[in-house]
Amino acid sequence: MMNRRTLIGTVAASAVLPLLNQVASAQTSLKTKNVVFVHGLFADGSCWSKVIARLQQKGINCTSVQNPLTSLHDASEAARRAIAAQPGPTVLVGHSFSGMIVSEVGLDPKITALVYVAARAPDAGEDYTALAKNYPTPPATAGIVFNDDWGQLSEKAFLHDFAGDLPPEEARVLYAVQQPFKKSLTTEKTTNAAWRTKPSFYAVSTQDRTINPDLERFMAKRMGAKTIEIERGEPPSADLTSRCDHESDLGGTCRLRAC
């Protein structure tokens, strides 16, 4: 079973790369050579490193945002700075919590497509916590521990629910570098829903232990997103990492095109 950290490591590859392939097929005008990645909770920007390496080999300019995990405003501003630095049309990719950031900042004129990897995708002003309560609670939730206002996964939960498909020595390294998040961050609401106006793509993680897979399916369907399902758990570094070799062809030449 592959978990959230594995999904983004491999999902980044087994989900992001196939989805970017779909982006390339769906868009028909100017070539897009830029991709901005945003990480979610229990991770940092390095979680996208494996898929970034694959894209760089294809000549794609990649930027991974270091999400501060303090507030939706702060996280959105970090993403906006990264987008502003791009030299042209850009695809925006997020996993887990950072789907909210993708939705919030994806209206930027530079953004030509949105890619959600087992990610939150609430509507503008929607209470995601209330929405999630309509589905069984994912196992990882019980493993979140707080120190004052800052939360992170316990080592046991991280190794089992977030990086369970990685070699233990690698999973422990990822546990050591996970970034704590501000408790209030998880209850904030987006003011935008960029997926309502931008081409959107979604990877459902069928064994996700952080977001219920049926909730992912609901959000993807509501978005009208082009959707694929990955029989894996969750993270970029983990998941994206483990299946990177299987999905490295982004439309043959990574021809991401702007709308």
C-alpha atoms as a PDB file:
ATOM      1  CA  MET A   1       0.000   0.000   0.000  1.00  0.00           C
ATOM      2  CA  MET A   2       1.353   3.408  -0.882  1.00  0.00           C
ATOM      3  CA  ASN A   3       0.565   6.337   1.305  1.00  0.00           C
ATOM      4  CA  ARG A   4       0.323  10.075   0.977  1.00  0.00           C
ATOM      5  CA  ARG A   5       4.020  10.757   1.101  1.00  0.00           C
ATOM      6  CA  THR A   6       4.397   7.954  -1.401  1.00  0.00           C
ATOM      7  CA  LEU A   7       1.680   9.333  -3.627  1.00  0.00           C
ATOM      8  CA  ILE A   8       3.335  12.587  -3.946  1.00  0.00           C
ATOM      9  CA  GLY A   9       6.614  11.110  -4.521  1.00  0.00           C
ATOM     10  CA  THR A  10       5.187   8.625  -6.916  1.00  0.00           C
ATOM     11  CA  VAL A  11       1.947  10.282  -7.444  1.00  0.00           C
ATOM     12  CA  ALA A  12       3.962  13.060  -8.512  1.00  0.00           C
ATOM     13  CA  ALA A  13       5.246  10.774 -11.086  1.00  0.00           C
ATOM     14  CA  SER A  14       2.475   8.318 -11.479  1.00  0.00           C
ATOM     15  CA  ALA A  15      -0.159  11.000 -11.249  1.00  0.00           C
ATOM     16  CA  VAL A  16       1.445  14.303 -12.093  1.00  0.00           C
ATOM     17  CA  LEU A  17       3.261  13.102 -15.163  1.00  0.00           C
ATOM     18  CA  PRO A  18       0.235  11.376 -16.737  1.00  0.00           C
ATOM     19  CA  LEU A  19      -1.896  14.378 -15.838  1.00  0.00           C
ATOM     20  CA  LEU A  20       0.616  16.739 -17.415  1.00  0.00           C
ATOM     21  CA  ASN A  21       0.441  14.501 -20.444  1.00  0.00           C
ATOM     22  CA  GLN A  22      -3.301  15.136 -20.490  1.00  0.00           C
ATOM     23  CA  VAL A  23      -2.655  18.850 -20.076  1.00  0.00           C
ATOM     24  CA  ALA A  24      -0.423  18.723 -23.131  1.00  0.00           C
ATOM     25  CA  SER A  25      -3.108  16.929 -25.125  1.00  0.00           C
ATOM     26  CA  ALA A  26      -5.891  19.250 -24.000  1.00  0.00           C
ATOM     27  CA  GLN A  27      -4.214  22.546 -24.766  1.00  0.00           C
ATOM     28  CA  THR A  28      -3.667  23.757 -28.270  1.00  0.00           C
ATOM     29  CA  SER A  29      -1.841  27.068 -28.521  1.00  0.00           C
ATOM     30  CA  LEU A  30       1.425  28.446 -27.124  1.00  0.00           C
ATOM     31  CA  LYS A  31       3.859  25.995 -25.614  1.00  0.00           C
ATOM     32  CA  THR A  32       4.022  26.085 -21.829  1.00  0.00           C
ATOM     33  CA  LYS A  33       7.430  25.277 -20.432  1.00  0.00           C
ATOM     34  CA  ASN A  34       6.882  26.138 -16.762  1.00  0.00           C
ATOM     35  CA  VAL A  35       5.460  24.126 -13.858  1.00  0.00           C
ATOM     36  CA  VAL A  36       5.035  25.389 -10.295  1.00  0.00           C
ATOM     37  CA  PHE A  37       4.585  22.794  -7.546  1.00  0.00           C
ATOM     38  CA  VAL A  38       3.102  23.413  -4.108  1.00  0.00           C
ATOM     39  CA  HIS A  39       3.396  20.887  -1.272  1.00  0.00           C
ATOM     40  CA  GLY A  40       0.846  20.070   1.402  1.00  0.00           C
ATOM     41  CA  LEU A  41       1.038  19.206   5.087  1.00  0.00           C
ATOM     42  CA  PHE A  42       3.654  16.864   6.579  1.00  0.00           C
ATOM     43  CA  ALA A  43       6.135  17.729   3.816  1.00  0.00           C
ATOM     44  CA  ASP A  44       8.357  20.412   2.338  1.00  0.00           C
ATOM     45  CA  GLY A  45       9.228  21.563  -1.154  1.00  0.00           C
ATOM     46  CA  SER A  46      11.730  18.773  -1.698  1.00  0.00           C
ATOM     47  CA  CYS A  47       8.911  16.227  -1.878  1.00  0.00           C
ATOM     48  CA  TRP A  48       8.577  17.025  -5.585  1.00  0.00           C
ATOM     49  CA  SER A  49      12.264  16.405  -6.330  1.00  0.00           C
ATOM     50  CA  LYS A  50      11.849  13.123  -8.210  1.00  0.00           C
ATOM     51  CA  VAL A  51       9.213  14.339 -10.623  1.00  0.00           C
ATOM     52  CA  ILE A  52      11.061  17.637 -11.064  1.00  0.00           C
ATOM     53  CA  ALA A  53      14.151  15.735 -12.177  1.00  0.00           C
ATOM     54  CA  ARG A  54      12.095  13.947 -14.824  1.00  0.00           C
ATOM     55  CA  LEU A  55      10.571  17.158 -16.115  1.00  0.00           C
ATOM     56  CA  GLN A  56      13.902  18.972 -16.190  1.00  0.00           C
ATOM     57  CA  GLN A  57      15.257  16.239 -18.437  1.00  0.00           C
ATOM     58  CA  LYS A  58      12.469  17.194 -20.853  1.00  0.00           C
ATOM     59  CA  GLY A  59      13.380  20.864 -20.789  1.00  0.00           C
ATOM     60  CA  ILE A  60      10.591  21.965 -18.457  1.00  0.00           C
ATOM     61  CA  ASN A  61      11.324  24.823 -16.055  1.00  0.00           C
ATOM     62  CA  CYS A  62      10.215  23.690 -12.570  1.00  0.00           C
ATOM     63  CA  THR A  63       9.760  25.597  -9.325  1.00  0.00           C
ATOM     64  CA  SER A  64       8.779  24.042  -5.998  1.00  0.00           C
ATOM     65  CA  VAL A  65       7.266  26.499  -3.526  1.00  0.00           C
ATOM     66  CA  GLN A  66       8.333  26.300   0.105  1.00  0.00           C
ATOM     67  CA  ASN A  67       4.876  26.530   1.649  1.00  0.00           C
ATOM     68  CA  PRO A  68       5.164  28.231   5.069  1.00  0.00           C
ATOM     69  CA  LEU A  69       2.136  26.288   6.445  1.00  0.00           C
ATOM     70  CA  THR A  70       1.278  29.217   8.693  1.00  0.00           C
ATOM     71  CA  SER A  71      -1.880  30.579   7.074  1.00  0.00           C
ATOM     72  CA  LEU A  72      -3.689  30.323   3.769  1.00  0.00           C
ATOM     73  CA  HIS A  73      -2.744  33.940   3.089  1.00  0.00           C
ATOM     74  CA  ASP A  74       0.958  33.320   3.689  1.00  0.00           C
ATOM     75  CA  ALA A  75       0.928  30.118   1.662  1.00  0.00           C
ATOM     76  CA  SER A  76      -0.908  31.816  -1.191  1.00  0.00           C
ATOM     77  CA  GLU A  77       1.514  34.726  -1.225  1.00  0.00           C
ATOM     78  CA  ALA A  78       4.460  32.325  -1.447  1.00  0.00           C
ATOM     79  CA  ALA A  79       2.828  30.641  -4.429  1.00  0.00           C
ATOM     80  CA  ARG A  80       2.040  33.976  -6.064  1.00  0.00           C
ATOM     81  CA  ARG A  81       5.685  35.042  -5.788  1.00  0.00           C
ATOM     82  CA  ALA A  82       6.758  31.837  -7.498  1.00  0.00           C
ATOM     83  CA  ILE A  83       4.183  32.309 -10.272  1.00  0.00           C
ATOM     84  CA  ALA A  84       5.230  35.939 -10.794  1.00  0.00           C
ATOM     85  CA  ALA A  85       8.815  34.774 -11.324  1.00  0.00           C
ATOM     86  CA  GLN A  86       7.853  32.434 -14.177  1.00  0.00           C
ATOM     87  CA  PRO A  87       8.875  33.604 -17.660  1.00  0.00           C
ATOM     88  CA  GLY A  88       5.560  32.697 -19.266  1.00  0.00           C
ATOM     89  CA  PRO A  89       2.496  30.403 -19.251  1.00  0.00           C
ATOM     90  CA  THR A  90       2.583  28.018 -16.274  1.00  0.00           C
ATOM     91  CA  VAL A  91       0.909  24.853 -15.038  1.00  0.00           C
ATOM     92  CA  LEU A  92       0.165  24.877 -11.290  1.00  0.00           C
ATOM     93  CA  VAL A  93       0.358  21.576  -9.376  1.00  0.00           C
ATOM     94  CA  GLY A  94      -0.598  20.874  -5.766  1.00  0.00           C
ATOM     95  CA  HIS A  95      -1.215  17.879  -3.523  1.00  0.00           C
ATOM     96  CA  SER A  96      -3.124  17.326  -0.318  1.00  0.00           C
ATOM     97  CA  PHE A  97      -3.800  20.582   1.533  1.00  0.00           C
ATOM     98  CA  SER A  98      -2.125  22.659  -1.178  1.00  0.00           C
ATOM     99  CA  GLY A  99      -5.064  22.039  -3.476  1.00  0.00           C
ATOM    100  CA  MET A 100      -6.579  24.969  -1.599  1.00  0.00           C
ATOM    101  CA  ILE A 101      -3.635  27.125  -2.628  1.00  0.00           C
ATOM    102  CA  VAL A 102      -4.001  26.003  -6.242  1.00  0.00           C
ATOM    103  CA  SER A 103      -7.665  27.002  -6.124  1.00  0.00           C
ATOM    104  CA  GLU A 104      -6.898  30.313  -4.426  1.00  0.00           C
ATOM    105  CA  VAL A 105      -4.101  31.568  -6.685  1.00  0.00           C
ATOM    106  CA  GLY A 106      -4.894  29.675  -9.893  1.00  0.00           C
ATOM    107  CA  LEU A 107      -6.809  32.627 -11.359  1.00  0.00           C
ATOM    108  CA  ASP A 108      -3.476  34.278 -12.128  1.00  0.00           C
ATOM    109  CA  PRO A 109      -3.346  35.017 -15.886  1.00  0.00           C
ATOM    110  CA  LYS A 110      -0.092  33.078 -16.221  1.00  0.00           C
ATOM    111  CA  ILE A 111      -1.748  29.858 -15.056  1.00  0.00           C
ATOM    112  CA  THR A 112      -2.992  27.794 -17.980  1.00  0.00           C
ATOM    113  CA  ALA A 113      -4.014  24.611 -16.140  1.00  0.00           C
ATOM    114  CA  LEU A 114      -4.452  23.267 -12.618  1.00  0.00           C
ATOM    115  CA  VAL A 115      -3.312  19.823 -11.483  1.00  0.00           C
ATOM    116  CA  TYR A 116      -4.656  18.401  -8.207  1.00  0.00           C
ATOM    117  CA  VAL A 117      -2.853  15.368  -6.775  1.00  0.00           C
ATOM    118  CA  ALA A 118      -5.087  13.722  -4.154  1.00  0.00           C
ATOM    119  CA  ALA A 119      -5.790  17.279  -3.102  1.00  0.00           C
ATOM    120  CA  ARG A 120      -8.381  19.401  -1.373  1.00  0.00           C
ATOM    121  CA  ALA A 121     -10.566  21.277  -3.824  1.00  0.00           C
ATOM    122  CA  PRO A 122     -13.300  23.129  -1.928  1.00  0.00           C
ATOM    123  CA  ASP A 123     -15.517  25.700  -3.557  1.00  0.00           C
ATOM    124  CA  ALA A 124     -14.996  29.371  -2.762  1.00  0.00           C
ATOM    125  CA  GLY A 125     -16.012  30.005   0.853  1.00  0.00           C
ATOM    126  CA  GLU A 126     -16.803  26.335   1.451  1.00  0.00           C
ATOM    127  CA  ASP A 127     -16.034  24.729   4.812  1.00  0.00           C
ATOM    128  CA  TYR A 128     -13.730  21.879   3.814  1.00  0.00           C
ATOM    129  CA  THR A 129     -13.799  20.362   7.308  1.00  0.00           C
ATOM    130  CA  ALA A 130     -17.586  20.126   7.168  1.00  0.00           C
ATOM    131  CA  LEU A 131     -17.412  18.648   3.669  1.00  0.00           C
ATOM    132  CA  ALA A 132     -14.904  16.011   4.786  1.00  0.00           C
ATOM    133  CA  LYS A 133     -17.164  14.945   7.643  1.00  0.00           C
ATOM    134  CA  ASN A 134     -19.545  13.468   5.063  1.00  0.00           C
ATOM    135  CA  TYR A 135     -16.982  10.712   4.543  1.00  0.00           C
ATOM    136  CA  PRO A 136     -15.196   8.265   6.886  1.00  0.00           C
ATOM    137  CA  THR A 137     -12.274   9.860   8.706  1.00  0.00           C
ATOM    138  CA  PRO A 138      -8.950   8.873   7.097  1.00  0.00           C
ATOM    139  CA  PRO A 139      -6.556   6.937   9.367  1.00  0.00           C
ATOM    140  CA  ALA A 140      -3.787   9.543   9.358  1.00  0.00           C
ATOM    141  CA  THR A 141      -5.979  12.081  11.137  1.00  0.00           C
ATOM    142  CA  ALA A 142      -5.628  10.213  14.434  1.00  0.00           C
ATOM    143  CA  GLY A 143      -1.848  10.498  14.156  1.00  0.00           C
ATOM    144  CA  ILE A 144      -1.673  14.292  14.166  1.00  0.00           C
ATOM    145  CA  VAL A 145      -0.056  15.634  17.338  1.00  0.00           C
ATOM    146  CA  PHE A 146       0.071  19.275  18.441  1.00  0.00           C
ATOM    147  CA  ASN A 147       2.657  21.241  20.354  1.00  0.00           C
ATOM    148  CA  ASP A 148       0.782  24.377  21.312  1.00  0.00           C
ATOM    149  CA  ASP A 149      -0.624  25.638  17.978  1.00  0.00           C
ATOM    150  CA  TRP A 150       1.694  23.618  15.749  1.00  0.00           C
ATOM    151  CA  GLY A 151       0.844  20.174  14.417  1.00  0.00           C
ATOM    152  CA  GLN A 152       2.593  17.325  12.650  1.00  0.00           C
ATOM    153  CA  LEU A 153       2.236  13.579  12.205  1.00  0.00           C
ATOM    154  CA  SER A 154       3.601  11.322  14.885  1.00  0.00           C
ATOM    155  CA  GLU A 155       6.463   9.125  13.774  1.00  0.00           C
ATOM    156  CA  LYS A 156       4.238   6.044  13.885  1.00  0.00           C
ATOM    157  CA  ALA A 157       1.520   7.658  11.770  1.00  0.00           C
ATOM    158  CA  PHE A 158       4.019   9.142   9.368  1.00  0.00           C
ATOM    159  CA  LEU A 159       5.748   5.832   8.742  1.00  0.00           C
ATOM    160  CA  HIS A 160       2.496   3.877   8.439  1.00  0.00           C
ATOM    161  CA  ASP A 161      -0.051   6.289   6.971  1.00  0.00           C
ATOM    162  CA  PHE A 162       2.105   8.739   5.045  1.00  0.00           C
ATOM    163  CA  ALA A 163       5.210   6.898   3.899  1.00  0.00           C
ATOM    164  CA  GLY A 164       4.365   3.264   4.476  1.00  0.00           C
ATOM    165  CA  ASP A 165       5.550   2.061   1.080  1.00  0.00           C
ATOM    166  CA  LEU A 166       9.012   3.543   1.334  1.00  0.00           C
ATOM    167  CA  PRO A 167      12.067   1.805   2.787  1.00  0.00           C
ATOM    168  CA  PRO A 168      12.073   2.553   6.546  1.00  0.00           C
ATOM    169  CA  GLU A 169      15.365   4.439   6.367  1.00  0.00           C
ATOM    170  CA  GLU A 170      14.017   6.763   3.666  1.00  0.00           C
ATOM    171  CA  ALA A 171      10.683   7.217   5.425  1.00  0.00           C
ATOM    172  CA  ARG A 172      12.451   8.261   8.634  1.00  0.00           C
ATOM    173  CA  VAL A 173      14.424  10.907   6.770  1.00  0.00           C
ATOM    174  CA  LEU A 174      11.183  12.315   5.369  1.00  0.00           C
ATOM    175  CA  TYR A 175       9.679  12.248   8.849  1.00  0.00           C
ATOM    176  CA  ALA A 176      12.613  14.277  10.118  1.00  0.00           C
ATOM    177  CA  VAL A 177      12.133  17.020   7.519  1.00  0.00           C
ATOM    178  CA  GLN A 178       8.339  17.341   7.663  1.00  0.00           C
ATOM    179  CA  GLN A 179       7.306  20.910   8.388  1.00  0.00           C
ATOM    180  CA  PRO A 180       4.864  21.667  11.245  1.00  0.00           C
ATOM    181  CA  PHE A 181       1.651  23.459  10.357  1.00  0.00           C
ATOM    182  CA  LYS A 182      -0.349  26.098  12.210  1.00  0.00           C
ATOM    183  CA  LYS A 183      -3.516  24.584  13.676  1.00  0.00           C
ATOM    184  CA  SER A 184      -5.742  27.370  12.344  1.00  0.00           C
ATOM    185  CA  LEU A 185      -4.535  26.671   8.802  1.00  0.00           C
ATOM    186  CA  THR A 186      -6.767  23.608   8.477  1.00  0.00           C
ATOM    187  CA  THR A 187      -9.979  25.542   9.091  1.00  0.00           C
ATOM    188  CA  GLU A 188      -9.412  28.473   6.733  1.00  0.00           C
ATOM    189  CA  LYS A 189     -11.560  28.937   3.629  1.00  0.00           C
ATOM    190  CA  THR A 190     -10.608  29.903   0.116  1.00  0.00           C
ATOM    191  CA  THR A 191     -12.061  33.001  -1.498  1.00  0.00           C
ATOM    192  CA  ASN A 192     -11.527  31.682  -5.035  1.00  0.00           C
ATOM    193  CA  ALA A 193     -12.243  28.436  -6.854  1.00  0.00           C
ATOM    194  CA  ALA A 194      -9.958  28.676  -9.861  1.00  0.00           C
ATOM    195  CA  TRP A 195     -11.099  25.251 -11.054  1.00  0.00           C
ATOM    196  CA  ARG A 196     -14.405  26.816 -12.066  1.00  0.00           C
ATOM    197  CA  THR A 197     -12.711  28.727 -14.875  1.00  0.00           C
ATOM    198  CA  LYS A 198      -9.364  27.019 -15.535  1.00  0.00           C
ATOM    199  CA  PRO A 199      -8.763  23.597 -17.154  1.00  0.00           C
ATOM    200  CA  SER A 200      -8.363  21.183 -14.246  1.00  0.00           C
ATOM    201  CA  PHE A 201      -6.905  17.711 -13.837  1.00  0.00           C
ATOM    202  CA  TYR A 202      -7.187  15.442 -10.793  1.00  0.00           C
ATOM    203  CA  ALA A 203      -5.379  12.304  -9.581  1.00  0.00           C
ATOM    204  CA  VAL A 204      -7.398  10.219  -7.102  1.00  0.00           C
ATOM    205  CA  SER A 205      -5.319   8.115  -4.736  1.00  0.00           C
ATOM    206  CA  THR A 206      -7.406   4.983  -4.225  1.00  0.00           C
ATOM    207  CA  GLN A 207      -5.579   3.969  -1.031  1.00  0.00           C
ATOM    208  CA  ASP A 208      -5.095   7.420   0.419  1.00  0.00           C
ATOM    209  CA  ARG A 209      -4.933   7.434   4.212  1.00  0.00           C
ATOM    210  CA  THR A 210      -4.966  11.237   4.535  1.00  0.00           C
ATOM    211  CA  ILE A 211      -7.975  12.255   2.424  1.00  0.00           C
ATOM    212  CA  ASN A 212     -10.822   9.819   1.883  1.00  0.00           C
ATOM    213  CA  PRO A 213     -10.650   8.565  -1.736  1.00  0.00           C
ATOM    214  CA  ASP A 214     -14.414   8.947  -2.195  1.00  0.00           C
ATOM    215  CA  LEU A 215     -14.116  12.583  -1.156  1.00  0.00           C
ATOM    216  CA  GLU A 216     -11.391  12.985  -3.759  1.00  0.00           C
ATOM    217  CA  ARG A 217     -13.696  11.462  -6.370  1.00  0.00           C
ATOM    218  CA  PHE A 218     -16.510  13.799  -5.345  1.00  0.00           C
ATOM    219  CA  MET A 219     -14.320  16.893  -5.645  1.00  0.00           C
ATOM    220  CA  ALA A 220     -12.861  15.783  -8.974  1.00  0.00           C
ATOM    221  CA  LYS A 221     -16.328  15.122 -10.415  1.00  0.00           C
ATOM    222  CA  ARG A 222     -17.710  18.417  -9.133  1.00  0.00           C
ATOM    223  CA  MET A 223     -14.780  20.229 -10.729  1.00  0.00           C
ATOM    224  CA  GLY A 224     -15.413  18.557 -14.042  1.00  0.00           C
ATOM    225  CA  ALA A 225     -11.737  17.655 -13.958  1.00  0.00           C
ATOM    226  CA  LYS A 226     -10.085  15.174 -16.252  1.00  0.00           C
ATOM    227  CA  THR A 227      -9.394  12.434 -13.741  1.00  0.00           C
ATOM    228  CA  ILE A 228      -7.119   9.455 -13.324  1.00  0.00           C
ATOM    229  CA  GLU A 229      -6.984   6.998 -10.424  1.00  0.00           C
ATOM    230  CA  ILE A 230      -3.749   5.778  -8.892  1.00  0.00           C
ATOM    231  CA  GLU A 231      -3.717   2.669  -6.725  1.00  0.00           C
ATOM    232  CA  ARG A 232      -1.530   4.336  -4.174  1.00  0.00           C
ATOM    233  CA  GLY A 233      -1.561   6.320  -1.003  1.00  0.00           C
ATOM    234  CA  GLU A 234      -0.367   9.890  -0.756  1.00  0.00           C
ATOM    235  CA  PRO A 235       2.829  11.968  -0.934  1.00  0.00           C
ATOM    236  CA  PRO A 236       4.924  13.506  -3.662  1.00  0.00           C
ATOM    237  CA  SER A 237       8.303  12.459  -2.538  1.00  0.00           C
ATOM    238  CA  ALA A 238       7.187   9.024  -1.612  1.00  0.00           C
ATOM    239  CA  ASP A 239       4.635   8.171  -4.169  1.00  0.00           C
ATOM    240  CA  LEU A 240       5.944  10.428  -6.800  1.00  0.00           C
ATOM    241  CA  THR A 241       9.309   8.906  -6.188  1.00  0.00           C
ATOM    242  CA  SER A 242       8.443   5.252  -6.441  1.00  0.00           C
ATOM    243  CA  ARG A 243       6.669   5.359  -9.779  1.00  0.00           C
ATOM    244  CA  CYS A 244       8.667   8.081 -11.434  1.00  0.00           C
ATOM    245  CA  ASP A 245      10.279   5.692 -13.881  1.00  0.00           C
ATOM    246  CA  HIS A 246       6.908   4.439 -15.119  1.00  0.00           C
ATOM    247  CA  GLU A 247       5.427   7.750 -16.211  1.00  0.00           C
ATOM    248  CA  SER A 248       8.151   9.958 -17.585  1.00  0.00           C
ATOM    249  CA  ASP A 249       6.710  10.697 -21.017  1.00  0.00           C
ATOM    250  CA  LEU A 250       4.765  13.960 -20.956  1.00  0.00           C
ATOM    251  CA  GLY A 251       3.200  13.744 -24.346  1.00  0.00           C
ATOM    252  CA  GLY A 252       6.510  12.572 -25.717  1.00  0.00           C
ATOM    253  CA  THR A 253       8.223  15.957 -25.528  1.00  0.00           C
ATOM    254  CA  CYS A 254       6.499  17.618 -22.593  1.00  0.00           C
ATOM    255  CA  ARG A 255       4.600  19.908 -24.894  1.00  0.00           C
ATOM    256  CA  LEU A 256       2.529  21.708 -22.268  1.00  0.00           C
ATOM    257  CA  ARG A 257       0.444  24.222 -24.143  1.00  0.00           C
ATOM    258  CA  ALA A 258      -1.234  27.371 -22.968  1.00  0.00           C
ATOM    259  CA  CYS A 259      -4.927  27.891 -23.643  1.00  0.00           C
END
